[in-house]
Amino acid sequence: MALDVRTEFVKKLRRDSVHCTVPKQLLEAVCGACRDAKDDPILALSLAAGAEILVSSDRDLLVLHPWCGIRIVAPAEFLMEYST
């Protein structure tokens, strides 16, 4: 992938990113959603941020696709869809 394509991707990512806080109640509600408990905070953050898509190479997350209306895809799939 050319440097200019990666640079544009990072610019878009920064422009479209959202900073948010996960309420404790949401974290508690998501507890046990993933077979790896360490991934539950990522799911809670995705909900809190109103994410449409979660990009991960973690198999414990990928097997949940789709989860609560959130697409969970591998990085390669995401890049194929969104880098054009």
Protein backbone atom coordinates (compact mmCIF):
# COMPACT_ATOMS: atom_id res chain seq x y z
CA MET A 1 0.00 0.00 0.00
CA ALA A 2 1.45 3.38 -1.01
CA LEU A 3 2.45 5.88 1.66
CA ASP A 4 -0.04 8.50 0.43
CA VAL A 5 -2.92 6.02 0.75
CA ARG A 6 -1.91 5.19 4.31
CA THR A 7 -1.49 8.86 5.16
CA GLU A 8 -4.97 9.68 3.87
CA PHE A 9 -6.39 6.74 5.80
CA VAL A 10 -4.85 7.99 9.06
CA LYS A 11 -6.15 11.53 8.38
CA LYS A 12 -9.65 10.18 7.85
CA LEU A 13 -9.40 8.03 10.96
CA ARG A 14 -8.36 11.02 13.07
CA ARG A 15 -11.08 13.21 11.57
CA ASP A 16 -13.83 10.66 12.18
CA SER A 17 -12.73 9.41 15.60
CA VAL A 18 -14.85 10.05 18.68
CA HIS A 19 -13.67 10.38 22.26
CA CYS A 20 -16.10 8.87 24.75
CA THR A 21 -16.38 7.50 28.24
CA VAL A 22 -17.95 4.14 29.06
CA PRO A 23 -20.50 4.38 31.86
CA LYS A 24 -19.98 1.78 34.59
CA GLN A 25 -23.54 0.50 34.08
CA LEU A 26 -22.83 -0.23 30.41
CA LEU A 27 -19.63 -2.06 31.27
CA GLU A 28 -21.55 -4.16 33.79
CA ALA A 29 -24.33 -4.85 31.27
CA VAL A 30 -21.83 -6.14 28.69
CA CYS A 31 -20.03 -8.36 31.21
CA GLY A 32 -19.88 -11.91 29.84
CA ALA A 33 -20.77 -10.98 26.27
CA CYS A 34 -17.45 -12.26 24.96
CA ARG A 35 -15.84 -15.61 25.70
CA ASP A 36 -12.71 -13.64 26.70
CA ALA A 37 -13.71 -11.34 29.57
CA LYS A 38 -10.80 -9.01 28.76
CA ASP A 39 -12.62 -8.06 25.53
CA ASP A 40 -15.86 -6.99 27.23
CA PRO A 41 -14.60 -3.40 27.76
CA ILE A 42 -13.97 -3.12 24.01
CA LEU A 43 -17.55 -4.16 23.33
CA ALA A 44 -18.83 -1.67 25.92
CA LEU A 45 -16.74 1.09 24.35
CA SER A 46 -18.14 0.22 20.92
CA LEU A 47 -21.67 0.62 22.24
CA ALA A 48 -20.87 3.82 24.14
CA ALA A 49 -19.31 5.34 21.02
CA GLY A 50 -22.20 4.34 18.80
CA ALA A 51 -19.84 2.35 16.60
CA GLU A 52 -21.08 0.85 13.38
CA ILE A 53 -18.00 -1.30 12.92
CA LEU A 54 -15.30 -2.75 15.16
CA VAL A 55 -11.99 -3.66 13.53
CA SER A 56 -10.06 -6.41 15.27
CA SER A 57 -7.92 -9.44 14.59
CA ASP A 58 -9.00 -10.96 17.92
CA ARG A 59 -10.83 -14.23 17.20
CA ASP A 60 -12.88 -13.91 20.39
CA LEU A 61 -14.38 -10.71 19.03
CA LEU A 62 -14.61 -11.79 15.39
CA VAL A 63 -16.83 -14.77 16.23
CA LEU A 64 -19.42 -12.37 17.63
CA HIS A 65 -20.01 -10.71 14.24
CA PRO A 66 -22.45 -9.06 14.13
CA TRP A 67 -22.94 -8.04 17.74
CA CYS A 68 -25.69 -5.64 18.87
CA GLY A 69 -25.85 -4.21 15.35
CA ILE A 70 -22.09 -3.65 15.23
CA ARG A 71 -20.12 -5.27 12.44
CA ILE A 72 -16.92 -6.91 13.67
CA VAL A 73 -14.38 -7.38 10.89
CA ALA A 74 -10.71 -8.19 10.45
CA PRO A 75 -8.33 -5.36 9.47
CA ALA A 76 -7.83 -6.72 5.95
CA GLU A 77 -11.58 -6.77 5.31
CA PHE A 78 -11.96 -3.25 6.65
CA LEU A 79 -9.16 -1.93 4.47
CA MET A 80 -10.61 -3.60 1.39
CA GLU A 81 -13.98 -1.95 2.01
CA TYR A 82 -12.95 1.49 3.19
CA SER A 83 -9.63 2.36 1.58
CA THR A 84 -11.15 3.04 -1.82
